[in-house]
Every structure is written in C-alpha cells, then in structure tokens.
Amino acid sequence: LARTKPEERPDLLVSIGSAGARALEQGMVYQASHISYRDMDASPLGFEKGRTPFVDLPAEIAIPQQIADVTAARLSTGSNVVSGAAYDLIDADMVDMEGFAVMRAGHAFDLPTIALKGISDGKAELRHFRDWADYLEAVDESLAKVIDRLESSIAAMDRAYWTQLPHRTAAR
C-alpha cells in the first residue's frame, strides 16, 4: 500500500484465513463485526488494556462493513495459538494471528477492511498440527463461496456504506 499511488490502491482490503473458535461451527466462515488485539497491555502506563498507545484506535474496533448472509462474530488477534482453557481468557468469539494488523494497514491508508475467517479449530484441545489442519479444506471451500459473492454484495450496497472507516478515538 505504501508503494502504490493513491489512485492505484484498492477500494477495500479483505483479510481472509482460518481462525479458532470454541463455540462457532468448524469449517464455516464468519465475518468480523469487531476486532481487537489481545497482546497489547500498556495498562501500567494508564492506557486501556488492548489499546495501542498513541494510535487513534479503540481497544476494540467495530467494523461497519458487513456482508449480507455471512454471520458476524467478534475477532481477537494475538501472537499465540489458542487452545482449550486459554479461550476462557479471551473476550471474543474467534481468534486469529493477523486480522488486527491488516485492519491497521487499511486504517493507515484510509481503506475500509473486512475480515472473513473460516473456523479451523477450537472445539477440542489442540495436540498436534493435524488438529488444526483437518478442517482447512472445508475452510477453503467455505471461503471461496463467500469470496464469490463478495463483489455482488458490495455492488448491491450504497458505496458510502462500503467506504466508512472505523471510528477513530482521541490519541492519548
């Protein structure tokens, strides 16, 4: 994005991939209604837990763009693979490792961003690589079906709706 001229940039960023979720259906795709970064904790310095200091974004960002007929869920991004009891510590429906970074990149260039996540794991404790990989084929198929509908979903809605950016907050 930084290397492109403004007129060459896309109209929308789409973060796609797998996510873990304890209560959502494995193999199905969900869109993020909100996104947070669970690794950030500058609360000893007086910042709200989850809020990146000196960045004008709240701890949890509402994503205004939503695709019709794709169930929405809250997404938490972090640097760790979540499994078992670790879900108890996370206030979101699904987890990934890249969604918040993509959202921040979009925000930096005034591009609306959506996140589409296929649930690959979470019902059972992860014990080895196969526990994560078993649902990836179903996730790929489900994501492809949603991506196939994405352009028509966008075309059917008011352009002003698709170009809204997440609410900015006052930098602290």
N, C-alpha and C. Protein backbone atom coordinates (compact mmCIF):
# COMPACT_ATOMS: atom_id res chain seq x y z
N LEU A 1 0.82 -1.19 0.00
CA LEU A 1 0.00 0.00 0.00
C LEU A 1 0.86 1.25 0.00
N ALA A 2 1.95 1.21 0.76
CA ALA A 2 2.82 2.38 0.83
C ALA A 2 3.50 2.66 -0.50
N ARG A 3 3.69 1.64 -1.32
CA ARG A 3 4.38 1.81 -2.59
C ARG A 3 3.44 2.13 -3.75
N THR A 4 2.15 2.19 -3.47
CA THR A 4 1.19 2.46 -4.54
C THR A 4 0.74 3.91 -4.50
N LYS A 5 0.40 4.43 -5.66
CA LYS A 5 -0.19 5.75 -5.73
C LYS A 5 -1.61 5.66 -5.22
N PRO A 6 -2.13 6.70 -4.59
CA PRO A 6 -3.49 6.64 -4.05
C PRO A 6 -4.52 6.17 -5.07
N GLU A 7 -4.40 6.59 -6.31
CA GLU A 7 -5.38 6.19 -7.33
C GLU A 7 -5.25 4.71 -7.75
N GLU A 8 -4.15 4.07 -7.36
CA GLU A 8 -3.94 2.65 -7.68
C GLU A 8 -4.32 1.72 -6.53
N ARG A 9 -4.66 2.30 -5.40
CA ARG A 9 -4.99 1.48 -4.24
C ARG A 9 -6.36 0.84 -4.39
N PRO A 10 -6.56 -0.29 -3.74
CA PRO A 10 -7.87 -0.95 -3.82
C PRO A 10 -8.92 -0.13 -3.07
N ASP A 11 -10.17 -0.45 -3.33
CA ASP A 11 -11.28 0.21 -2.63
C ASP A 11 -11.54 -0.44 -1.28
N LEU A 12 -11.09 -1.67 -1.11
CA LEU A 12 -11.40 -2.44 0.08
C LEU A 12 -10.30 -3.47 0.32
N LEU A 13 -9.89 -3.64 1.58
CA LEU A 13 -8.99 -4.74 1.95
C LEU A 13 -9.83 -5.86 2.53
N VAL A 14 -9.46 -7.08 2.21
CA VAL A 14 -10.16 -8.24 2.73
C VAL A 14 -9.13 -9.17 3.35
N SER A 15 -9.24 -9.39 4.64
CA SER A 15 -8.38 -10.33 5.34
C SER A 15 -9.12 -11.66 5.38
N ILE A 16 -8.54 -12.69 4.75
CA ILE A 16 -9.16 -14.00 4.77
C ILE A 16 -8.20 -15.00 5.41
N GLY A 17 -8.75 -16.03 6.01
CA GLY A 17 -7.90 -17.06 6.59
C GLY A 17 -8.66 -17.89 7.59
N SER A 18 -7.90 -18.66 8.34
CA SER A 18 -8.51 -19.52 9.34
C SER A 18 -8.50 -18.82 10.70
N ALA A 19 -9.37 -19.31 11.56
CA ALA A 19 -9.44 -18.80 12.93
C ALA A 19 -9.87 -19.94 13.83
N GLY A 20 -9.56 -19.80 15.09
CA GLY A 20 -10.03 -20.76 16.08
C GLY A 20 -11.26 -20.20 16.77
N ALA A 21 -12.12 -21.09 17.23
CA ALA A 21 -13.31 -20.67 17.96
C ALA A 21 -13.85 -21.86 18.74
N ARG A 22 -14.14 -21.62 19.98
CA ARG A 22 -14.67 -22.69 20.82
C ARG A 22 -16.13 -22.98 20.51
N ALA A 23 -16.93 -21.94 20.23
CA ALA A 23 -18.38 -22.13 20.12
C ALA A 23 -18.93 -21.98 18.70
N LEU A 24 -18.11 -21.58 17.72
CA LEU A 24 -18.58 -21.43 16.35
C LEU A 24 -18.36 -22.74 15.58
N GLU A 25 -19.12 -22.91 14.51
CA GLU A 25 -19.07 -24.17 13.76
C GLU A 25 -17.79 -24.27 12.92
N GLN A 26 -17.06 -25.34 13.12
CA GLN A 26 -15.83 -25.57 12.37
C GLN A 26 -16.15 -25.80 10.90
N GLY A 27 -15.29 -25.23 10.04
CA GLY A 27 -15.48 -25.33 8.60
C GLY A 27 -16.30 -24.20 8.01
N MET A 28 -17.05 -23.48 8.84
CA MET A 28 -17.90 -22.37 8.37
C MET A 28 -17.13 -21.05 8.41
N VAL A 29 -17.60 -20.08 7.61
CA VAL A 29 -16.98 -18.76 7.53
C VAL A 29 -17.82 -17.75 8.30
N TYR A 30 -17.12 -16.89 9.03
CA TYR A 30 -17.75 -15.80 9.78
C TYR A 30 -17.02 -14.51 9.40
N GLN A 31 -17.76 -13.40 9.46
CA GLN A 31 -17.13 -12.10 9.24
C GLN A 31 -16.96 -11.41 10.58
N ALA A 32 -15.87 -10.70 10.71
CA ALA A 32 -15.61 -9.99 11.96
C ALA A 32 -16.51 -8.77 12.06
N SER A 33 -17.25 -8.67 13.15
CA SER A 33 -18.05 -7.48 13.43
C SER A 33 -17.24 -6.45 14.21
N HIS A 34 -16.28 -6.97 14.98
CA HIS A 34 -15.36 -6.17 15.80
C HIS A 34 -14.02 -6.90 15.80
N ILE A 35 -12.96 -6.14 16.02
CA ILE A 35 -11.64 -6.76 16.09
C ILE A 35 -10.83 -6.09 17.19
N SER A 36 -10.07 -6.90 17.90
CA SER A 36 -9.22 -6.39 18.99
C SER A 36 -7.86 -7.07 18.91
N TYR A 37 -6.89 -6.49 19.60
CA TYR A 37 -5.52 -7.01 19.63
C TYR A 37 -5.22 -7.42 21.07
N ARG A 38 -5.32 -8.71 21.34
CA ARG A 38 -5.26 -9.19 22.72
C ARG A 38 -3.88 -9.13 23.35
N ASP A 39 -2.82 -8.97 22.57
CA ASP A 39 -1.46 -8.94 23.13
C ASP A 39 -1.10 -7.59 23.74
N MET A 40 -1.82 -6.54 23.39
CA MET A 40 -1.45 -5.20 23.84
C MET A 40 -1.95 -4.94 25.25
N ASP A 41 -1.02 -4.66 26.15
CA ASP A 41 -1.40 -4.29 27.51
C ASP A 41 -0.42 -3.25 28.04
N ALA A 42 -0.78 -2.00 27.84
CA ALA A 42 0.00 -0.88 28.37
C ALA A 42 -0.72 -0.26 29.56
N SER A 43 -1.57 -1.06 30.22
CA SER A 43 -2.35 -0.54 31.35
C SER A 43 -1.48 -0.02 32.50
N PRO A 44 -0.27 -0.54 32.76
CA PRO A 44 0.55 0.07 33.80
C PRO A 44 0.92 1.53 33.51
N LEU A 45 0.81 1.94 32.25
CA LEU A 45 1.10 3.32 31.87
C LEU A 45 -0.17 4.17 31.78
N GLY A 46 -1.31 3.58 32.15
CA GLY A 46 -2.55 4.33 32.15
C GLY A 46 -3.40 4.17 30.91
N PHE A 47 -3.02 3.29 30.02
CA PHE A 47 -3.81 3.05 28.81
C PHE A 47 -4.76 1.89 29.04
N GLU A 48 -5.91 1.96 28.37
CA GLU A 48 -6.89 0.88 28.42
C GLU A 48 -6.24 -0.41 27.89
N LYS A 49 -6.47 -1.53 28.58
CA LYS A 49 -5.94 -2.81 28.13
C LYS A 49 -6.46 -3.08 26.72
N GLY A 50 -5.57 -3.46 25.82
CA GLY A 50 -5.93 -3.72 24.44
C GLY A 50 -5.73 -2.53 23.52
N ARG A 51 -5.53 -1.35 24.08
CA ARG A 51 -5.35 -0.14 23.26
C ARG A 51 -3.87 0.13 23.05
N THR A 52 -3.50 0.33 21.78
CA THR A 52 -2.12 0.63 21.45
C THR A 52 -1.85 2.10 21.74
N PRO A 53 -0.87 2.39 22.62
CA PRO A 53 -0.59 3.79 22.95
C PRO A 53 -0.26 4.63 21.71
N PHE A 54 -0.79 5.84 21.71
CA PHE A 54 -0.51 6.85 20.70
C PHE A 54 -1.05 6.48 19.31
N VAL A 55 -1.97 5.54 19.25
CA VAL A 55 -2.65 5.19 18.00
C VAL A 55 -4.11 5.53 18.20
N ASP A 56 -4.70 6.19 17.23
CA ASP A 56 -6.07 6.68 17.41
C ASP A 56 -7.14 5.63 17.10
N LEU A 57 -6.96 4.44 17.66
CA LEU A 57 -7.94 3.37 17.53
C LEU A 57 -8.33 2.87 18.92
N PRO A 58 -9.59 2.52 19.10
CA PRO A 58 -10.01 1.98 20.40
C PRO A 58 -9.46 0.55 20.59
N ALA A 59 -9.61 0.01 21.78
CA ALA A 59 -9.15 -1.35 22.07
C ALA A 59 -9.90 -2.37 21.21
N GLU A 60 -11.16 -2.13 20.96
CA GLU A 60 -11.95 -2.99 20.08
C GLU A 60 -12.54 -2.10 18.98
N ILE A 61 -12.28 -2.48 17.74
CA ILE A 61 -12.71 -1.70 16.59
C ILE A 61 -13.96 -2.33 15.99
N ALA A 62 -15.00 -1.56 15.87
CA ALA A 62 -16.20 -2.03 15.18
C ALA A 62 -15.95 -1.93 13.68
N ILE A 63 -16.33 -2.96 12.96
CA ILE A 63 -16.17 -2.98 11.51
C ILE A 63 -17.54 -2.69 10.90
N PRO A 64 -17.71 -1.50 10.32
CA PRO A 64 -19.04 -1.13 9.85
C PRO A 64 -19.50 -1.91 8.63
N GLN A 65 -18.58 -2.36 7.78
CA GLN A 65 -18.97 -3.09 6.58
C GLN A 65 -19.30 -4.53 6.93
N GLN A 66 -20.48 -4.97 6.57
CA GLN A 66 -20.91 -6.34 6.81
C GLN A 66 -21.55 -6.88 5.55
N ILE A 67 -21.24 -8.12 5.22
CA ILE A 67 -21.75 -8.78 4.03
C ILE A 67 -23.05 -9.49 4.40
N ALA A 68 -24.08 -9.28 3.60
CA ALA A 68 -25.36 -9.94 3.84
C ALA A 68 -25.18 -11.46 3.82
N ASP A 69 -25.88 -12.14 4.70
CA ASP A 69 -25.90 -13.60 4.76
C ASP A 69 -24.60 -14.25 5.24
N VAL A 70 -23.69 -13.49 5.84
CA VAL A 70 -22.50 -14.07 6.46
C VAL A 70 -22.57 -13.70 7.94
N THR A 71 -22.64 -14.69 8.80
CA THR A 71 -22.79 -14.47 10.23
C THR A 71 -21.59 -13.69 10.77
N ALA A 72 -21.88 -12.72 11.61
CA ALA A 72 -20.83 -11.88 12.21
C ALA A 72 -20.44 -12.41 13.58
N ALA A 73 -19.16 -12.22 13.92
CA ALA A 73 -18.63 -12.62 15.23
C ALA A 73 -17.47 -11.71 15.57
N ARG A 74 -17.20 -11.56 16.85
CA ARG A 74 -16.09 -10.72 17.30
C ARG A 74 -14.77 -11.48 17.18
N LEU A 75 -13.74 -10.79 16.69
CA LEU A 75 -12.43 -11.39 16.42
C LEU A 75 -11.36 -10.79 17.31
N SER A 76 -10.52 -11.65 17.88
CA SER A 76 -9.37 -11.22 18.69
C SER A 76 -8.09 -11.72 18.03
N THR A 77 -7.17 -10.79 17.75
CA THR A 77 -5.89 -11.13 17.13
C THR A 77 -4.80 -11.17 18.20
N GLY A 78 -3.92 -12.14 18.08
CA GLY A 78 -2.79 -12.25 19.00
C GLY A 78 -1.70 -13.11 18.41
N SER A 79 -0.58 -13.18 19.11
CA SER A 79 0.58 -13.89 18.58
C SER A 79 0.64 -15.35 18.99
N ASN A 80 -0.37 -15.83 19.70
CA ASN A 80 -0.32 -17.21 20.17
C ASN A 80 -1.45 -18.06 19.58
N VAL A 81 -1.19 -19.36 19.51
CA VAL A 81 -2.22 -20.31 19.13
C VAL A 81 -3.05 -20.56 20.39
N VAL A 82 -4.36 -20.39 20.28
CA VAL A 82 -5.26 -20.53 21.43
C VAL A 82 -5.87 -21.92 21.40
N SER A 83 -5.93 -22.54 22.56
CA SER A 83 -6.50 -23.88 22.66
C SER A 83 -7.02 -24.10 24.07
N GLY A 84 -8.03 -24.93 24.17
CA GLY A 84 -8.55 -25.36 25.47
C GLY A 84 -8.95 -24.21 26.37
N ALA A 85 -8.45 -24.27 27.62
CA ALA A 85 -8.82 -23.29 28.64
C ALA A 85 -8.37 -21.87 28.31
N ALA A 86 -7.44 -21.69 27.38
CA ALA A 86 -6.97 -20.35 27.01
C ALA A 86 -8.11 -19.51 26.42
N TYR A 87 -9.14 -20.16 25.86
CA TYR A 87 -10.30 -19.42 25.35
C TYR A 87 -11.02 -18.67 26.48
N ASP A 88 -10.92 -19.16 27.71
CA ASP A 88 -11.59 -18.52 28.84
C ASP A 88 -11.07 -17.10 29.08
N LEU A 89 -9.84 -16.82 28.65
CA LEU A 89 -9.21 -15.52 28.88
C LEU A 89 -9.49 -14.51 27.77
N ILE A 90 -10.20 -14.93 26.74
CA ILE A 90 -10.40 -14.08 25.56
C ILE A 90 -11.87 -13.67 25.44
N ASP A 91 -12.09 -12.36 25.36
CA ASP A 91 -13.44 -11.82 25.23
C ASP A 91 -13.76 -11.59 23.75
N ALA A 92 -13.89 -12.69 23.00
CA ALA A 92 -14.25 -12.62 21.58
C ALA A 92 -14.74 -14.01 21.17
N ASP A 93 -15.37 -14.07 20.02
CA ASP A 93 -15.92 -15.33 19.53
C ASP A 93 -14.91 -16.17 18.78
N MET A 94 -13.93 -15.52 18.13
CA MET A 94 -12.94 -16.24 17.34
C MET A 94 -11.59 -15.55 17.47
N VAL A 95 -10.53 -16.30 17.17
CA VAL A 95 -9.16 -15.81 17.32
C VAL A 95 -8.36 -16.06 16.05
N ASP A 96 -7.46 -15.13 15.75
CA ASP A 96 -6.53 -15.31 14.64
C ASP A 96 -5.21 -14.66 15.00
N MET A 97 -4.29 -14.60 14.02
CA MET A 97 -2.98 -14.05 14.28
C MET A 97 -2.62 -12.88 13.36
N GLU A 98 -3.56 -12.45 12.49
CA GLU A 98 -3.21 -11.41 11.54
C GLU A 98 -4.26 -10.34 11.31
N GLY A 99 -5.48 -10.57 11.68
CA GLY A 99 -6.58 -9.67 11.36
C GLY A 99 -6.39 -8.23 11.79
N PHE A 100 -5.89 -8.03 13.01
CA PHE A 100 -5.72 -6.66 13.51
C PHE A 100 -4.66 -5.91 12.71
N ALA A 101 -3.59 -6.61 12.31
CA ALA A 101 -2.54 -5.96 11.52
C ALA A 101 -3.07 -5.51 10.17
N VAL A 102 -3.90 -6.34 9.54
CA VAL A 102 -4.49 -5.96 8.26
C VAL A 102 -5.41 -4.75 8.46
N MET A 103 -6.20 -4.76 9.54
CA MET A 103 -7.08 -3.63 9.84
C MET A 103 -6.26 -2.35 10.04
N ARG A 104 -5.18 -2.44 10.78
CA ARG A 104 -4.32 -1.26 10.99
C ARG A 104 -3.74 -0.75 9.68
N ALA A 105 -3.32 -1.65 8.80
CA ALA A 105 -2.78 -1.23 7.50
C ALA A 105 -3.86 -0.50 6.70
N GLY A 106 -5.06 -1.06 6.69
CA GLY A 106 -6.16 -0.39 6.00
C GLY A 106 -6.44 0.97 6.58
N HIS A 107 -6.46 1.04 7.90
CA HIS A 107 -6.74 2.31 8.58
C HIS A 107 -5.68 3.35 8.24
N ALA A 108 -4.42 2.93 8.16
CA ALA A 108 -3.33 3.86 7.86
C ALA A 108 -3.48 4.49 6.49
N PHE A 109 -4.14 3.77 5.57
CA PHE A 109 -4.31 4.28 4.21
C PHE A 109 -5.76 4.62 3.88
N ASP A 110 -6.56 4.80 4.94
CA ASP A 110 -7.97 5.16 4.79
C ASP A 110 -8.74 4.19 3.90
N LEU A 111 -8.44 2.90 4.06
CA LEU A 111 -9.14 1.86 3.30
C LEU A 111 -10.03 1.04 4.22
N PRO A 112 -11.30 0.91 3.88
CA PRO A 112 -12.15 0.02 4.67
C PRO A 112 -11.62 -1.40 4.57
N THR A 113 -11.78 -2.15 5.65
CA THR A 113 -11.23 -3.51 5.73
C THR A 113 -12.26 -4.43 6.34
N ILE A 114 -12.40 -5.61 5.77
CA ILE A 114 -13.25 -6.63 6.36
C ILE A 114 -12.40 -7.87 6.63
N ALA A 115 -12.85 -8.69 7.54
CA ALA A 115 -12.15 -9.93 7.86
C ALA A 115 -13.13 -11.09 7.74
N LEU A 116 -12.77 -12.06 6.92
CA LEU A 116 -13.55 -13.27 6.73
C LEU A 116 -12.72 -14.45 7.23
N LYS A 117 -13.24 -15.16 8.22
CA LYS A 117 -12.47 -16.22 8.86
C LYS A 117 -13.22 -17.54 8.85
N GLY A 118 -12.56 -18.57 8.35
CA GLY A 118 -13.11 -19.92 8.40
C GLY A 118 -12.62 -20.59 9.67
N ILE A 119 -13.51 -21.22 10.40
CA ILE A 119 -13.15 -21.81 11.68
C ILE A 119 -12.48 -23.17 11.46
N SER A 120 -11.22 -23.25 11.84
CA SER A 120 -10.42 -24.46 11.62
C SER A 120 -10.29 -25.32 12.86
N ASP A 121 -10.47 -24.73 14.02
CA ASP A 121 -10.22 -25.48 15.24
C ASP A 121 -10.87 -24.80 16.43
N GLY A 122 -10.83 -25.44 17.58
CA GLY A 122 -11.32 -24.82 18.81
C GLY A 122 -12.26 -25.67 19.63
N LYS A 123 -12.96 -26.60 18.99
CA LYS A 123 -13.90 -27.45 19.74
C LYS A 123 -13.15 -28.34 20.73
N ALA A 124 -12.01 -28.83 20.32
CA ALA A 124 -11.21 -29.72 21.17
C ALA A 124 -9.82 -29.13 21.35
N GLU A 125 -9.15 -29.55 22.38
CA GLU A 125 -7.78 -29.12 22.67
C GLU A 125 -6.87 -29.50 21.49
N LEU A 126 -6.02 -28.56 21.07
CA LEU A 126 -5.05 -28.85 20.02
C LEU A 126 -3.90 -29.65 20.63
N ARG A 127 -3.56 -30.74 19.99
CA ARG A 127 -2.47 -31.58 20.49
C ARG A 127 -1.34 -31.72 19.46
N HIS A 128 -1.68 -31.52 18.19
CA HIS A 128 -0.67 -31.58 17.14
C HIS A 128 -1.19 -30.85 15.90
N PHE A 129 -0.32 -30.69 14.92
CA PHE A 129 -0.62 -29.93 13.70
C PHE A 129 -1.90 -30.39 13.02
N ARG A 130 -2.14 -31.68 12.96
CA ARG A 130 -3.30 -32.23 12.26
C ARG A 130 -4.62 -31.71 12.86
N ASP A 131 -4.65 -31.45 14.17
CA ASP A 131 -5.87 -30.93 14.81
C ASP A 131 -6.28 -29.59 14.20
N TRP A 132 -5.31 -28.81 13.77
CA TRP A 132 -5.59 -27.53 13.11
C TRP A 132 -5.89 -27.75 11.63
N ALA A 133 -5.12 -28.61 10.97
CA ALA A 133 -5.19 -28.76 9.52
C ALA A 133 -6.39 -29.56 9.03
N ASP A 134 -7.01 -30.37 9.86
CA ASP A 134 -8.11 -31.23 9.42
C ASP A 134 -9.25 -30.49 8.74
N TYR A 135 -9.56 -29.27 9.17
CA TYR A 135 -10.69 -28.53 8.62
C TYR A 135 -10.29 -27.52 7.55
N LEU A 136 -9.02 -27.45 7.19
CA LEU A 136 -8.59 -26.42 6.25
C LEU A 136 -9.21 -26.57 4.87
N GLU A 137 -9.44 -27.77 4.40
CA GLU A 137 -10.09 -27.95 3.10
C GLU A 137 -11.52 -27.41 3.15
N ALA A 138 -12.25 -27.71 4.22
CA ALA A 138 -13.62 -27.19 4.37
C ALA A 138 -13.60 -25.67 4.50
N VAL A 139 -12.61 -25.15 5.21
CA VAL A 139 -12.47 -23.69 5.35
C VAL A 139 -12.23 -23.07 3.98
N ASP A 140 -11.32 -23.64 3.19
CA ASP A 140 -11.04 -23.10 1.85
C ASP A 140 -12.30 -23.08 0.99
N GLU A 141 -13.06 -24.16 1.00
CA GLU A 141 -14.28 -24.23 0.20
C GLU A 141 -15.30 -23.19 0.66
N SER A 142 -15.46 -23.05 1.97
CA SER A 142 -16.42 -22.07 2.50
C SER A 142 -15.98 -20.64 2.18
N LEU A 143 -14.68 -20.35 2.33
CA LEU A 143 -14.18 -19.02 1.99
C LEU A 143 -14.38 -18.72 0.51
N ALA A 144 -14.13 -19.68 -0.35
CA ALA A 144 -14.30 -19.47 -1.80
C ALA A 144 -15.74 -19.09 -2.12
N LYS A 145 -16.70 -19.73 -1.49
CA LYS A 145 -18.11 -19.42 -1.73
C LYS A 145 -18.44 -17.99 -1.30
N VAL A 146 -17.91 -17.55 -0.17
CA VAL A 146 -18.17 -16.19 0.30
C VAL A 146 -17.48 -15.17 -0.60
N ILE A 147 -16.23 -15.45 -0.98
CA ILE A 147 -15.49 -14.54 -1.87
C ILE A 147 -16.21 -14.42 -3.22
N ASP A 148 -16.76 -15.52 -3.71
CA ASP A 148 -17.51 -15.47 -4.98
C ASP A 148 -18.69 -14.51 -4.89
N ARG A 149 -19.28 -14.36 -3.71
CA ARG A 149 -20.43 -13.46 -3.52
C ARG A 149 -20.03 -12.05 -3.11
N LEU A 150 -18.78 -11.86 -2.78
CA LEU A 150 -18.34 -10.57 -2.22
C LEU A 150 -18.58 -9.41 -3.17
N GLU A 151 -18.19 -9.55 -4.42
CA GLU A 151 -18.34 -8.43 -5.36
C GLU A 151 -19.81 -8.05 -5.53
N SER A 152 -20.69 -9.04 -5.66
CA SER A 152 -22.11 -8.71 -5.82
C SER A 152 -22.69 -8.12 -4.54
N SER A 153 -22.20 -8.55 -3.39
CA SER A 153 -22.65 -7.98 -2.12
C SER A 153 -22.28 -6.51 -2.02
N ILE A 154 -21.08 -6.18 -2.43
CA ILE A 154 -20.62 -4.80 -2.40
C ILE A 154 -21.41 -3.97 -3.41
N ALA A 155 -21.61 -4.50 -4.61
CA ALA A 155 -22.32 -3.77 -5.66
C ALA A 155 -23.77 -3.49 -5.27
N ALA A 156 -24.36 -4.35 -4.45
CA ALA A 156 -25.76 -4.19 -4.06
C ALA A 156 -25.95 -3.14 -2.96
N MET A 157 -24.87 -2.66 -2.39
CA MET A 157 -24.98 -1.71 -1.29
C MET A 157 -24.50 -0.33 -1.69
N ASP A 158 -24.91 0.64 -0.95
CA ASP A 158 -24.51 2.03 -1.14
C ASP A 158 -23.00 2.15 -0.97
N ARG A 159 -22.33 2.79 -1.92
CA ARG A 159 -20.87 2.95 -1.85
C ARG A 159 -20.44 3.66 -0.56
N ALA A 160 -21.24 4.58 -0.07
CA ALA A 160 -20.89 5.29 1.17
C ALA A 160 -20.77 4.30 2.33
N TYR A 161 -21.59 3.27 2.32
CA TYR A 161 -21.52 2.25 3.37
C TYR A 161 -20.19 1.50 3.32
N TRP A 162 -19.75 1.16 2.13
CA TRP A 162 -18.51 0.37 1.99
C TRP A 162 -17.26 1.19 2.18
N THR A 163 -17.36 2.50 2.18
CA THR A 163 -16.17 3.31 2.34
C THR A 163 -16.03 3.91 3.73
N GLN A 164 -16.91 3.57 4.65
CA GLN A 164 -16.78 4.05 6.03
C GLN A 164 -15.53 3.44 6.67
N LEU A 165 -14.87 4.22 7.48
CA LEU A 165 -13.71 3.72 8.23
C LEU A 165 -14.13 3.52 9.68
N PRO A 166 -13.39 2.66 10.40
CA PRO A 166 -13.68 2.50 11.82
C PRO A 166 -13.57 3.84 12.54
N HIS A 167 -14.32 3.96 13.61
CA HIS A 167 -14.31 5.18 14.41
C HIS A 167 -12.92 5.39 15.02
N ARG A 168 -12.40 6.60 14.88
CA ARG A 168 -11.11 6.96 15.48
C ARG A 168 -11.37 7.53 16.87
N THR A 169 -10.40 7.40 17.73
CA THR A 169 -10.50 7.97 19.07
C THR A 169 -9.45 9.04 19.23
N ALA A 170 -9.57 9.82 20.27
CA ALA A 170 -8.55 10.82 20.55
C ALA A 170 -7.29 10.11 21.02
N ALA A 171 -6.14 10.43 20.44
CA ALA A 171 -4.88 9.83 20.86
C ALA A 171 -4.56 10.31 22.26
N ARG A 172 -4.03 9.41 23.05
CA ARG A 172 -3.75 9.74 24.43
C ARG A 172 -2.30 10.03 24.65
